[in-house]
Protein backbone atom coordinates (compact mmCIF):
# COMPACT_ATOMS: atom_id res chain seq x y z
CA UNK A 1 0.08 -0.04 -0.10
CA UNK A 2 1.48 3.72 -1.02
CA UNK A 3 1.77 6.13 1.68
CA UNK A 4 -0.63 8.69 0.97
CA UNK A 5 0.49 12.23 -0.45
CA UNK A 6 -1.18 15.31 -0.68
CA UNK A 7 -2.66 16.24 -4.20
CA UNK A 8 -2.37 19.70 -5.57
CA UNK A 9 -4.79 22.06 -3.82
CA UNK A 10 -7.38 24.44 -5.87
CA UNK A 11 -6.99 28.08 -6.05
CA UNK A 12 -9.95 30.69 -6.14
CA UNK A 13 -11.23 30.65 -9.47
CA UNK A 14 -10.68 27.00 -10.25
CA UNK A 15 -13.44 24.38 -10.95
CA UNK A 16 -14.45 22.01 -8.20
CA UNK A 17 -16.91 18.91 -9.05
CA UNK A 18 -20.00 18.58 -7.03
CA UNK A 19 -20.65 14.92 -7.10
CA UNK A 20 -23.50 12.62 -5.39
CA UNK A 21 -21.45 9.47 -4.79
CA UNK A 22 -23.85 8.02 -2.71
CA UNK A 23 -27.30 9.69 -2.41
CA UNK A 24 -29.22 12.24 -5.12
CA UNK A 25 -30.89 14.10 -2.43
CA UNK A 26 -30.05 17.81 -4.41
CA UNK A 27 -33.27 16.38 -6.46
CA UNK A 28 -35.62 16.19 -3.42
CA UNK A 29 -34.01 18.64 -1.11
CA UNK A 30 -32.84 21.82 -3.77
CA UNK A 31 -32.92 24.34 -0.99
CA UNK A 32 -29.89 23.74 1.08
CA UNK A 33 -27.78 22.13 -2.04
CA UNK A 34 -28.52 25.19 -4.56
CA UNK A 35 -27.50 27.28 -1.37
CA UNK A 36 -24.40 25.45 -0.79
CA UNK A 37 -23.43 25.63 -3.98
CA UNK A 38 -24.03 29.32 -3.96
CA UNK A 39 -21.86 29.86 -1.12
CA UNK A 40 -18.86 27.68 -2.54
CA UNK A 41 -18.87 30.37 -5.50
CA UNK A 42 -19.20 33.22 -3.37
CA UNK A 43 -17.70 32.58 -0.09
CA UNK A 44 -14.51 30.49 -1.38
CA UNK A 45 -14.12 31.64 -4.75
CA UNK A 46 -14.61 28.21 -6.83
CA UNK A 47 -16.75 27.57 -9.63
CA UNK A 48 -18.91 24.28 -8.92
CA UNK A 49 -19.55 21.70 -11.83
CA UNK A 50 -22.17 19.38 -11.43
CA UNK A 51 -22.17 15.81 -13.36
CA UNK A 52 -25.50 13.80 -14.51
CA UNK A 53 -26.08 12.14 -11.34
CA UNK A 54 -25.78 15.08 -9.21
CA UNK A 55 -29.20 15.66 -8.56
CA UNK A 56 -30.29 12.39 -9.66
CA UNK A 57 -31.92 9.73 -7.02
CA UNK A 58 -31.49 6.03 -7.63
CA UNK A 59 -28.81 6.68 -10.00
CA UNK A 60 -27.06 3.16 -10.35
CA UNK A 61 -24.00 2.30 -8.97
CA UNK A 62 -21.99 2.36 -12.32
CA UNK A 63 -23.58 5.60 -13.15
CA UNK A 64 -22.37 7.26 -9.94
CA UNK A 65 -18.76 5.73 -10.65
CA UNK A 66 -18.99 7.19 -13.96
CA UNK A 67 -19.12 10.34 -12.61
CA UNK A 68 -16.17 10.12 -10.14
CA UNK A 69 -13.93 8.71 -13.28
CA UNK A 70 -15.14 11.83 -15.45
CA UNK A 71 -14.45 14.23 -12.46
CA UNK A 72 -10.94 13.00 -11.50
CA UNK A 73 -10.00 12.82 -15.09
CA UNK A 74 -10.71 16.04 -16.17
CA UNK A 75 -7.61 18.41 -15.79
CA UNK A 76 -9.71 21.37 -15.54
CA UNK A 77 -11.16 20.25 -12.38
CA UNK A 78 -9.13 20.93 -9.34
CA UNK A 79 -11.31 19.50 -6.24
CA UNK A 80 -14.20 17.38 -5.65
CA UNK A 81 -16.94 17.47 -3.14
CA UNK A 82 -19.82 15.42 -2.15
CA UNK A 83 -23.24 16.79 -2.17
CA UNK A 84 -24.19 14.97 0.57
CA UNK A 85 -23.95 10.94 2.03
CA UNK A 86 -26.15 8.12 1.60
CA UNK A 87 -26.08 4.35 2.41
CA UNK A 88 -24.88 2.33 -0.41
CA UNK A 89 -21.58 3.73 -1.79
CA UNK A 90 -19.86 0.41 -0.68
CA UNK A 91 -21.44 -0.85 -4.00
CA UNK A 92 -19.77 1.73 -6.16
CA UNK A 93 -16.32 0.82 -5.04
CA UNK A 94 -15.56 -2.27 -6.81
CA UNK A 95 -16.39 -0.30 -9.90
CA UNK A 96 -13.75 2.46 -9.65
CA UNK A 97 -10.56 2.70 -11.74
CA UNK A 98 -7.99 2.82 -9.00
CA UNK A 99 -5.03 3.27 -11.56
CA UNK A 100 -7.28 6.59 -12.99
CA UNK A 101 -7.59 8.28 -9.63
CA UNK A 102 -3.87 7.11 -8.69
CA UNK A 103 -2.76 9.21 -11.87
CA UNK A 104 -5.02 11.99 -11.36
CA UNK A 105 -5.06 12.78 -7.68
CA UNK A 106 -7.29 15.39 -6.51
CA UNK A 107 -8.65 16.92 -2.87
CA UNK A 108 -11.85 14.99 -2.00
CA UNK A 109 -14.05 16.41 0.57
CA UNK A 110 -17.38 14.53 2.14
CA UNK A 111 -18.11 12.42 5.17
CA UNK A 112 -20.87 10.00 6.38
CA UNK A 113 -21.39 7.62 3.94
CA UNK A 114 -18.18 9.11 1.68
CA UNK A 115 -15.86 7.47 4.04
CA UNK A 116 -16.33 4.56 1.51
CA UNK A 117 -14.54 6.47 -1.07
CA UNK A 118 -12.02 8.35 1.54
CA UNK A 119 -11.06 4.65 2.43
CA UNK A 120 -10.48 3.74 -1.15
CA UNK A 121 -8.42 6.88 -1.84
CA UNK A 122 -6.30 5.99 1.28
CA UNK A 123 -5.33 2.42 -0.16
CA UNK A 124 -4.90 4.36 -3.73
CA UNK A 125 -2.24 6.70 -2.22
CA UNK A 126 -4.20 9.99 -2.27
CA UNK A 127 -5.15 12.06 0.90
CA UNK A 128 -8.34 12.72 1.36
CA UNK A 129 -10.35 15.10 3.52
CA UNK A 130 -13.30 13.96 6.08
CA UNK A 131 -15.73 16.69 6.16
CA UNK A 132 -17.79 19.64 4.59
CA UNK A 133 -20.48 18.41 2.10
CA UNK A 134 -22.50 20.86 0.30
CA UNK A 135 -25.79 20.33 1.74
CA UNK A 136 -25.02 20.01 5.10
CA UNK A 137 -22.02 22.50 6.15
CA UNK A 138 -21.99 24.80 2.96
CA UNK A 139 -25.87 24.81 3.14
CA UNK A 140 -26.38 25.44 6.81
CA UNK A 141 -29.10 27.90 7.75
CA UNK A 142 -28.01 31.39 8.45
CA UNK A 143 -24.33 31.17 7.29
CA UNK A 144 -21.68 28.70 7.48
CA UNK A 145 -20.22 28.22 10.58
CA UNK A 146 -17.25 30.32 11.14
CA UNK A 147 -15.09 27.31 12.65
CA UNK A 148 -16.38 25.22 9.79
CA UNK A 149 -15.21 27.85 7.04
CA UNK A 150 -11.81 28.54 8.56
CA UNK A 151 -11.00 25.01 8.73
CA UNK A 152 -12.57 24.34 5.09
CA UNK A 153 -10.90 27.18 3.43
CA UNK A 154 -7.37 25.94 5.20
CA UNK A 155 -8.07 22.57 4.04
CA UNK A 156 -8.61 23.74 0.39
CA UNK A 157 -5.98 26.31 0.15
CA UNK A 158 -3.19 25.77 1.93
CA UNK A 159 -0.74 23.48 3.14
CA UNK A 160 0.77 22.73 6.35
CA UNK A 161 -0.09 22.51 10.07
CA UNK A 162 -3.82 23.73 11.25
CA UNK A 163 -4.66 23.38 15.04
CA UNK A 164 -8.30 22.25 16.05
CA UNK A 165 -10.01 24.23 18.37
CA UNK A 166 -13.39 22.83 20.58
CA UNK A 167 -16.49 24.46 19.32
CA UNK A 168 -17.64 26.90 21.83
CA UNK A 169 -21.36 26.09 21.17
CA UNK A 170 -22.71 23.57 18.73
CA UNK A 171 -26.18 22.15 17.57
CA UNK A 172 -27.12 18.36 16.63
CA UNK A 173 -30.69 19.70 15.09
CA UNK A 174 -32.16 20.02 11.92
CA UNK A 175 -34.55 22.55 10.42
CA UNK A 176 -37.05 21.45 7.29
CA UNK A 177 -35.33 21.24 4.53
CA UNK A 178 -38.23 21.83 2.31
CA UNK A 179 -38.90 25.37 3.90
CA UNK A 180 -36.67 28.18 2.39
CA UNK A 181 -37.66 30.45 5.40
CA UNK A 182 -36.17 28.24 7.64
CA UNK A 183 -32.60 28.89 6.28
CA UNK A 184 -32.74 32.66 6.62
CA UNK A 185 -32.10 32.71 10.38
CA UNK A 186 -28.86 31.31 12.64
CA UNK A 187 -30.09 28.00 14.25
CA UNK A 188 -30.20 27.78 17.92
CA UNK A 189 -27.09 26.37 19.48
CA UNK A 190 -25.80 24.87 22.81
CA UNK A 191 -22.47 25.64 24.94
CA UNK A 192 -19.80 22.76 24.32
CA UNK A 193 -17.96 21.73 27.21
CA UNK A 194 -14.45 21.24 25.41
CA UNK A 195 -12.86 18.01 24.84
CA UNK A 196 -12.51 15.04 27.24
CA UNK A 197 -9.28 13.15 27.27
CA UNK A 198 -8.42 9.74 28.38
CA UNK A 199 -5.79 7.20 28.90
CA UNK A 200 -2.13 7.94 28.64
CA UNK A 201 -0.52 11.59 28.67
CA UNK A 202 1.52 11.37 25.74
CA UNK A 203 2.35 12.95 22.29
CA UNK A 204 0.99 10.78 19.23
CA UNK A 205 1.73 11.61 15.84
CA UNK A 206 0.31 9.58 12.76
CA UNK A 207 -1.74 9.55 9.62
CA UNK A 208 -5.53 9.82 10.04
CA UNK A 209 -7.82 6.78 9.49
CA UNK A 210 -11.35 6.05 10.34
CA UNK A 211 -14.43 7.79 9.33
CA UNK A 212 -18.19 6.93 9.98
CA UNK A 213 -18.83 3.87 12.20
CA UNK A 214 -21.16 2.40 10.64
CA UNK A 215 -19.67 2.67 7.02
CA UNK A 216 -16.23 1.08 8.59
CA UNK A 217 -18.07 -1.74 10.03
CA UNK A 218 -20.06 -2.44 6.45
CA UNK A 219 -16.36 -2.47 5.02
CA UNK A 220 -15.39 -4.96 7.40
CA UNK A 221 -18.30 -7.28 7.19
CA UNK A 222 -17.70 -7.32 3.12
CA UNK A 223 -13.96 -7.42 3.94
CA UNK A 224 -13.43 -4.28 1.26
CA UNK A 225 -10.85 -1.80 1.28
CA UNK A 226 -9.53 -2.80 4.89
CA UNK A 227 -5.94 -4.03 4.53
CA UNK A 228 -5.37 -7.85 5.35
CA UNK A 229 -2.54 -7.15 7.32
CA UNK A 230 -3.48 -4.92 10.37
CA UNK A 231 0.03 -3.56 10.70
CA UNK A 232 -0.66 -1.59 7.81
CA UNK A 233 -2.17 0.87 10.83
CA UNK A 234 0.26 0.74 13.03
CA UNK A 235 0.66 4.06 14.51
CA UNK A 236 -2.03 6.05 12.69
CA UNK A 237 -4.56 8.27 14.62
CA UNK A 238 -7.69 6.69 14.46
CA UNK A 239 -10.98 9.32 14.14
CA UNK A 240 -14.66 7.77 14.34
CA UNK A 241 -17.78 9.31 14.52
CA UNK A 242 -21.38 7.92 14.37
CA UNK A 243 -23.83 9.36 12.19
CA UNK A 244 -27.95 10.56 12.43
CA UNK A 245 -29.12 7.03 12.61
CA UNK A 246 -27.68 7.29 16.37
CA UNK A 247 -26.47 3.48 16.76
CA UNK A 248 -27.21 2.32 20.46
CA UNK A 249 -24.14 2.49 22.84
CA UNK A 250 -24.12 -1.61 22.46
CA UNK A 251 -24.34 -1.54 18.77
CA UNK A 252 -21.11 0.67 19.05
CA UNK A 253 -19.56 -1.43 21.48
CA UNK A 254 -19.80 -4.56 19.43
CA UNK A 255 -18.32 -3.04 16.61
CA UNK A 256 -15.42 -1.77 18.19
CA UNK A 257 -15.35 -5.22 19.76
CA UNK A 258 -15.14 -6.67 16.44
CA UNK A 259 -11.96 -4.39 15.60
CA UNK A 260 -10.52 -5.32 18.64
CA UNK A 261 -10.68 -9.02 17.89
CA UNK A 262 -9.48 -8.52 14.86
CA UNK A 263 -6.24 -7.05 16.27
CA UNK A 264 -7.23 -3.81 14.37
CA UNK A 265 -7.80 -1.52 17.14
CA UNK A 266 -4.77 -1.58 19.20
CA UNK A 267 -2.67 -0.45 16.23
CA UNK A 268 -3.94 2.68 16.75
CA UNK A 269 -2.08 4.56 19.55
CA UNK A 270 -4.55 7.62 19.82
CA UNK A 271 -8.58 7.71 18.97
CA UNK A 272 -10.51 10.91 18.13
CA UNK A 273 -13.90 10.14 18.95
CA UNK A 274 -16.39 12.60 17.14
CA UNK A 275 -19.15 14.58 19.06
CA UNK A 276 -22.08 12.61 18.85
CA UNK A 277 -25.57 13.41 17.05
CA UNK A 278 -28.05 13.24 19.54
CA UNK A 279 -30.80 14.25 17.88
CA UNK A 280 -32.60 13.45 14.21
CA UNK A 281 -35.98 14.15 12.32
CA UNK A 282 -37.03 10.62 12.91
CA UNK A 283 -36.01 10.62 16.77
CA UNK A 284 -36.54 13.93 18.47
CA UNK A 285 -34.74 13.68 21.72
CA UNK A 286 -34.99 15.76 24.68
CA UNK A 287 -31.77 17.44 25.84
CA UNK A 288 -31.93 14.54 28.93
CA UNK A 289 -32.08 11.95 26.30
CA UNK A 290 -29.19 13.28 24.30
CA UNK A 291 -27.18 13.55 27.13
CA UNK A 292 -27.75 10.01 28.08
CA UNK A 293 -27.12 8.71 24.74
CA UNK A 294 -23.71 10.89 24.34
CA UNK A 295 -23.05 9.35 27.72
CA UNK A 296 -23.37 5.84 27.26
CA UNK A 297 -21.68 5.91 23.56
CA UNK A 298 -18.68 7.57 25.60
CA UNK A 299 -18.98 4.54 28.39
CA UNK A 300 -18.93 1.70 25.39
CA UNK A 301 -15.97 3.02 23.88
CA UNK A 302 -13.83 3.30 27.21
CA UNK A 303 -15.21 -0.35 28.10
CA UNK A 304 -13.76 -1.48 24.49
CA UNK A 305 -10.30 0.21 24.91
CA UNK A 306 -9.94 -1.03 28.26
CA UNK A 307 -10.42 -4.54 26.94
CA UNK A 308 -8.56 -4.26 23.66
CA UNK A 309 -6.49 -1.19 23.44
CA UNK A 310 -5.57 0.22 26.97
CA UNK A 311 -2.67 2.22 25.93
CA UNK A 312 -4.72 4.26 23.30
CA UNK A 313 -5.06 8.03 24.31
CA UNK A 314 -8.88 9.36 23.30
CA UNK A 315 -10.13 12.47 22.91
CA UNK A 316 -14.02 12.76 23.17
CA UNK A 317 -16.44 15.24 21.61
CA UNK A 318 -14.30 16.31 18.90
CA UNK A 319 -16.37 18.38 16.08
CA UNK A 320 -15.57 16.21 12.94
CA UNK A 321 -18.62 14.18 12.28
CA UNK A 322 -22.44 15.17 11.81
CA UNK A 323 -22.83 17.88 14.38
CA UNK A 324 -22.35 21.59 13.65
CA UNK A 325 -19.70 23.21 13.34
CA UNK A 326 -17.65 20.42 11.48
CA UNK A 327 -13.73 20.51 11.40
CA UNK A 328 -12.14 19.05 8.37
CA UNK A 329 -9.82 15.76 9.03
CA UNK A 330 -7.23 15.24 6.65
CA UNK A 331 -7.66 11.43 5.60
CA UNK A 332 -4.01 9.62 5.16
CA UNK A 333 -2.71 13.20 6.25
CA UNK A 334 -0.69 13.69 9.43
CA UNK A 335 -2.61 14.10 12.65
CA UNK A 336 -0.83 15.26 15.95
CA UNK A 337 -2.71 14.58 19.24
CA UNK A 338 -0.64 15.98 22.11
CA UNK A 339 -2.15 14.69 25.33
CA UNK A 340 0.16 17.01 28.01
CA UNK A 341 -0.67 20.12 25.95
CA UNK A 342 -4.52 19.09 25.25
CA UNK A 343 -3.79 20.07 21.43
CA UNK A 344 -4.92 18.21 18.12
CA UNK A 345 -3.23 19.65 15.04
CA UNK A 346 -3.65 18.46 11.87
CA UNK A 347 -1.52 19.12 8.44
CA UNK A 348 -3.76 19.97 5.16
């Protein structure tokens, strides 16, 4: 497996491909999507380029793979960003031309189900970027969160270290995506409580690997894009987050336990655990229920670490997943976790 390297960065004025490698939700919810496109151009100075399946629900896996190939092969496209996630991108992976992507590396931005493509890029030798989808982060009500915008701008246009900061306030609720008026006002947020550190206080430097826990579980079950020799992950920094599906603590425990039984979990000397989303449209929890959900998830993670990776340093409530704001994590790029200094620095 090649060591991932950073692809060339775009500059303001360049063209950026906007793809739907998972779900074509822009067709059903044009309001946040078009808002995100407008901000991509106005606030970041990039020219969005759509593809045949970007606004197409139920596009086949092959059609979506063809769009990915077209975006990476086009020399005028300088970066690629997902419109949103979904739940079946794993079916696209076998159709991808690894040599085409390796020969035409570009920064790819996405998270959630796009963990599939990020793992594929890792194995291809291309650093990707976990975070920043058009409909969610760029299509945020009110405005793009300043912490998200700062992180995304640094990841898009700069090369070098960037220190992550805990969000002073955050949200994990969503508005009605069919109501244009819902996007005109700043959403309600609540106070953050900083990061919680656990385990040995030391400094760990390694390449980032991980993503959405539910997607990684599927990849492990399908034995797809997971290195058969677990030593390939030695010294890497694991980062994980759970989706709006809100898997129960026991499910999180079981997935991580399976990674432990495989001998995979102990390979990572540090774990960044994303702030869990504790509310969804289909499960509208109270504040008390949400706090209990987050607490039980943390306890499940700690139980697994104690059993399988007691020497792993863990940091909880990092803003890297389905909550707002969202920090971009380089997938395959360097991550430095400073336990004594309580600092996390990534290299974009």
